Amino acid sequence: MSPLWVNAVGTAAALCSMTSFTPQILKIWRERDAPSVSLRMWLLTVTGFILWTTYGVLLHSWPVTVSNAVCLVLSGVVLWLKWKFRAA
């Protein structure tokens, strides 16, 4: 397979992963409500992105590092919103 196609697939996958957090972030922010967000799932997701980002750094692979660092930040935003709008 051509490297161009391989890079196109990787880029598309990274863009999908990075933008997938946006609807959840916007929903929580608009509703100021996050009890339906699973804390355990998001903690596991953040941990996974920490590991993927570290893996990218160790491989010196900027596409893996950058895309997973962006996903780490966005999943961290969901966790922050979960904390910010927690039930009093």
C-alpha atoms as a PDB file:
ATOM      1  CA  MET A   1       0.000   0.000   0.000  1.00  0.00           C
ATOM      2  CA  SER A   2       1.229   3.479  -0.844  1.00  0.00           C
ATOM      3  CA  PRO A   3       2.640   5.559   2.050  1.00  0.00           C
ATOM      4  CA  LEU A   4       0.281   8.340   0.942  1.00  0.00           C
ATOM      5  CA  TRP A   5      -2.751   6.133   1.681  1.00  0.00           C
ATOM      6  CA  VAL A   6      -1.260   4.965   4.970  1.00  0.00           C
ATOM      7  CA  ASN A   7      -0.754   8.578   6.066  1.00  0.00           C
ATOM      8  CA  ALA A   8      -4.245   9.531   4.877  1.00  0.00           C
ATOM      9  CA  VAL A   9      -5.802   6.749   6.945  1.00  0.00           C
ATOM     10  CA  GLY A  10      -3.732   7.732   9.991  1.00  0.00           C
ATOM     11  CA  THR A  11      -4.655  11.391   9.600  1.00  0.00           C
ATOM     12  CA  ALA A  12      -8.357  10.566   9.246  1.00  0.00           C
ATOM     13  CA  ALA A  13      -8.211   8.339  12.335  1.00  0.00           C
ATOM     14  CA  ALA A  14      -6.458  11.048  14.363  1.00  0.00           C
ATOM     15  CA  LEU A  15      -8.977  13.700  13.304  1.00  0.00           C
ATOM     16  CA  CYS A  16     -11.901  11.435  14.215  1.00  0.00           C
ATOM     17  CA  SER A  17     -10.372  10.659  17.611  1.00  0.00           C
ATOM     18  CA  MET A  18      -9.635  14.291  18.364  1.00  0.00           C
ATOM     19  CA  THR A  19     -13.041  15.620  17.338  1.00  0.00           C
ATOM     20  CA  SER A  20     -14.970  12.824  19.060  1.00  0.00           C
ATOM     21  CA  PHE A  21     -14.644  14.585  22.422  1.00  0.00           C
ATOM     22  CA  THR A  22     -16.239  17.826  21.248  1.00  0.00           C
ATOM     23  CA  PRO A  23     -19.917  16.743  21.462  1.00  0.00           C
ATOM     24  CA  GLN A  24     -19.458  15.467  25.038  1.00  0.00           C
ATOM     25  CA  ILE A  25     -17.642  18.627  26.120  1.00  0.00           C
ATOM     26  CA  LEU A  26     -20.289  20.884  24.558  1.00  0.00           C
ATOM     27  CA  LYS A  27     -23.150  18.869  26.079  1.00  0.00           C
ATOM     28  CA  ILE A  28     -21.694  19.028  29.583  1.00  0.00           C
ATOM     29  CA  TRP A  29     -20.880  22.727  29.245  1.00  0.00           C
ATOM     30  CA  ARG A  30     -24.332  23.695  27.913  1.00  0.00           C
ATOM     31  CA  GLU A  31     -26.262  21.638  30.458  1.00  0.00           C
ATOM     32  CA  ARG A  32     -23.877  22.358  33.355  1.00  0.00           C
ATOM     33  CA  ASP A  33     -24.508  18.762  34.301  1.00  0.00           C
ATOM     34  CA  ALA A  34     -22.200  15.742  34.253  1.00  0.00           C
ATOM     35  CA  PRO A  35     -23.542  12.993  36.531  1.00  0.00           C
ATOM     36  CA  SER A  36     -24.111  10.679  33.572  1.00  0.00           C
ATOM     37  CA  VAL A  37     -20.404  10.856  32.677  1.00  0.00           C
ATOM     38  CA  SER A  38     -18.622   7.779  34.009  1.00  0.00           C
ATOM     39  CA  LEU A  39     -15.695   8.901  36.146  1.00  0.00           C
ATOM     40  CA  ARG A  40     -13.993   5.490  35.936  1.00  0.00           C
ATOM     41  CA  MET A  41     -14.270   5.382  32.157  1.00  0.00           C
ATOM     42  CA  TRP A  42     -12.803   8.863  31.740  1.00  0.00           C
ATOM     43  CA  LEU A  43     -10.000   8.157  34.220  1.00  0.00           C
ATOM     44  CA  LEU A  44      -9.155   5.057  32.188  1.00  0.00           C
ATOM     45  CA  THR A  45      -9.366   7.064  28.947  1.00  0.00           C
ATOM     46  CA  VAL A  46      -7.030   9.773  30.293  1.00  0.00           C
ATOM     47  CA  THR A  47      -4.611   7.099  31.517  1.00  0.00           C
ATOM     48  CA  GLY A  48      -4.671   5.482  28.076  1.00  0.00           C
ATOM     49  CA  PHE A  49      -3.878   8.786  26.371  1.00  0.00           C
ATOM     50  CA  ILE A  50      -1.034   9.439  28.822  1.00  0.00           C
ATOM     51  CA  LEU A  51       0.410   6.052  27.859  1.00  0.00           C
ATOM     52  CA  TRP A  52      -0.164   6.572  24.098  1.00  0.00           C
ATOM     53  CA  THR A  53       1.475  10.009  24.265  1.00  0.00           C
ATOM     54  CA  THR A  54       4.435   8.547  26.153  1.00  0.00           C
ATOM     55  CA  TYR A  55       4.650   5.742  23.580  1.00  0.00           C
ATOM     56  CA  GLY A  56       4.735   8.313  20.760  1.00  0.00           C
ATOM     57  CA  VAL A  57       7.496  10.248  22.511  1.00  0.00           C
ATOM     58  CA  LEU A  58       9.531   7.069  23.048  1.00  0.00           C
ATOM     59  CA  LEU A  59       9.130   6.159  19.364  1.00  0.00           C
ATOM     60  CA  HIS A  60       9.921   9.729  18.273  1.00  0.00           C
ATOM     61  CA  SER A  61       6.668   9.615  16.315  1.00  0.00           C
ATOM     62  CA  TRP A  62       5.188  13.108  16.216  1.00  0.00           C
ATOM     63  CA  PRO A  63       1.853  12.007  14.679  1.00  0.00           C
ATOM     64  CA  VAL A  64       1.245   9.516  17.514  1.00  0.00           C
ATOM     65  CA  THR A  65       2.496  11.976  20.123  1.00  0.00           C
ATOM     66  CA  VAL A  66       0.556  15.025  18.941  1.00  0.00           C
ATOM     67  CA  SER A  67      -2.752  13.329  18.197  1.00  0.00           C
ATOM     68  CA  ASN A  68      -2.757  11.534  21.535  1.00  0.00           C
ATOM     69  CA  ALA A  69      -1.636  14.647  23.416  1.00  0.00           C
ATOM     70  CA  VAL A  70      -4.598  16.531  21.916  1.00  0.00           C
ATOM     71  CA  CYS A  71      -6.913  13.673  22.916  1.00  0.00           C
ATOM     72  CA  LEU A  72      -5.360  13.725  26.405  1.00  0.00           C
ATOM     73  CA  VAL A  73      -6.141  17.422  26.787  1.00  0.00           C
ATOM     74  CA  LEU A  74      -9.703  17.010  25.506  1.00  0.00           C
ATOM     75  CA  SER A  75     -10.421  13.977  27.700  1.00  0.00           C
ATOM     76  CA  GLY A  76      -8.889  15.935  30.592  1.00  0.00           C
ATOM     77  CA  VAL A  77     -11.390  18.719  29.876  1.00  0.00           C
ATOM     78  CA  VAL A  78     -14.229  16.197  30.227  1.00  0.00           C
ATOM     79  CA  LEU A  79     -12.802  15.106  33.598  1.00  0.00           C
ATOM     80  CA  TRP A  80     -12.454  18.737  34.694  1.00  0.00           C
ATOM     81  CA  LEU A  81     -16.061  19.443  33.686  1.00  0.00           C
ATOM     82  CA  LYS A  82     -17.169  16.318  35.555  1.00  0.00           C
ATOM     83  CA  TRP A  83     -15.500  17.725  38.667  1.00  0.00           C
ATOM     84  CA  LYS A  84     -16.692  21.310  38.073  1.00  0.00           C
ATOM     85  CA  PHE A  85     -20.350  20.357  37.658  1.00  0.00           C
ATOM     86  CA  ARG A  86     -20.432  17.584  40.252  1.00  0.00           C
ATOM     87  CA  ALA A  87     -23.489  17.310  42.451  1.00  0.00           C
ATOM     88  CA  ALA A  88     -23.219  19.487  45.528  1.00  0.00           C
END
